[in-house]
Protein backbone atom coordinates (compact mmCIF):
# COMPACT_ATOMS: atom_id res chain seq x y z
CA MET A 1 77.08 88.18 -127.74
CA ASP A 2 77.03 88.71 -131.43
CA THR A 3 75.55 91.51 -133.29
CA VAL A 4 74.04 91.27 -136.70
CA GLN A 5 72.22 93.52 -139.22
CA LEU A 6 68.62 92.84 -139.87
CA ARG A 7 69.13 91.86 -143.43
CA ASP A 8 71.91 89.24 -142.38
CA ALA A 9 69.47 88.05 -139.54
CA LYS A 10 66.70 87.25 -142.04
CA ALA A 11 69.21 85.34 -144.31
CA SER A 12 70.56 83.31 -141.27
CA LEU A 13 67.58 83.12 -138.99
CA SER A 14 68.04 79.17 -138.44
CA LYS A 15 71.65 79.71 -137.40
CA LEU A 16 70.61 82.44 -134.86
CA VAL A 17 67.84 80.37 -133.54
CA GLU A 18 70.41 77.44 -133.04
CA ALA A 19 72.58 79.91 -131.22
CA ALA A 20 69.90 81.17 -128.97
CA GLU A 21 69.04 77.45 -128.24
CA ALA A 22 72.73 76.96 -127.19
CA GLY A 23 72.29 79.90 -124.80
CA GLU A 24 73.92 82.59 -126.94
CA PRO A 25 71.89 85.79 -127.22
CA THR A 26 72.20 88.06 -130.51
CA VAL A 27 71.51 91.60 -130.94
CA ILE A 28 69.78 92.57 -134.22
CA THR A 29 70.45 95.98 -135.51
CA LYS A 30 68.56 97.98 -137.90
CA HIS A 31 70.13 101.05 -139.81
CA GLY A 32 73.04 100.99 -137.28
CA ARG A 33 70.82 100.95 -134.23
CA GLU A 34 70.11 98.13 -131.76
CA ALA A 35 66.39 97.21 -132.51
CA ALA A 36 65.95 93.71 -131.11
CA MET A 37 67.66 90.80 -129.23
CA LEU A 38 67.04 87.08 -129.85
CA VAL A 39 67.51 85.28 -126.50
CA PRO A 40 67.18 81.60 -125.22
CA ILE A 41 63.44 81.00 -124.37
CA ALA A 42 64.38 80.39 -120.58
CA GLU A 43 65.80 83.93 -120.59
CA GLY A 44 62.78 85.46 -122.24
CA ARG A 45 60.41 83.76 -119.92
CA LYS A 46 62.22 85.40 -117.10
CA LEU A 47 61.56 88.85 -118.51
CA TYR A 48 58.02 88.01 -119.83
CA PRO A 49 56.51 85.41 -117.46
CA ALA A 50 52.98 85.76 -118.81
CA ALA A 51 54.11 85.45 -122.45
CA GLY A 52 52.38 82.34 -124.16
CA ARG A 53 49.89 81.84 -121.40
CA SER A 54 46.40 81.43 -122.22
CA PHE A 55 43.39 83.88 -121.16
CA LEU A 56 42.29 81.29 -118.67
CA ASP A 57 45.84 80.97 -117.10
CA HIS A 58 45.83 84.86 -116.63
CA LEU A 59 42.55 84.79 -114.82
CA LEU A 60 43.52 81.96 -112.58
CA ALA A 61 46.64 83.68 -111.80
CA TYR A 62 44.85 86.64 -110.44
CA PRO A 63 46.18 87.25 -106.90
CA GLY A 64 43.09 88.77 -105.21
CA GLY A 65 40.91 85.78 -106.14
CA LEU A 66 37.49 86.29 -107.32
CA GLU A 67 34.72 86.38 -104.67
CA LEU A 68 31.06 86.23 -105.70
CA GLU A 69 28.13 86.83 -103.18
CA PRO A 70 25.67 83.77 -103.27
CA GLU A 71 22.94 85.93 -104.90
CA ASP A 72 25.41 86.78 -107.73
CA VAL A 73 26.14 83.16 -108.36
CA LEU A 74 22.24 82.36 -108.49
CA ARG A 75 21.78 85.27 -110.90
CA LEU A 76 24.68 83.87 -113.08
CA ARG A 77 22.70 80.52 -113.40
CA ASP A 78 19.22 81.86 -113.85
CA VAL A 79 19.19 81.54 -117.56
CA ASP A 80 15.96 81.17 -119.55
CA LEU A 81 16.57 79.25 -122.92
CA ASP A 82 13.08 79.21 -124.00
């Protein structure tokens, strides 16, 4: 795993992205401290599976489901547009 300073990462971002695509993570430091890590997308999705999903996808993934009583459904449809 490579480590680069932030200013160097800015100058060579394309190279770092290519390395990530090849499966090589890179640690980015700022003022001598580790600040971020550039990882392959597959690894990032393992850590943050919800990243990039739409709001609808989040709603559909709700594990408890959504149960409406029949009167609630009727009330939702009872709209007067006049």
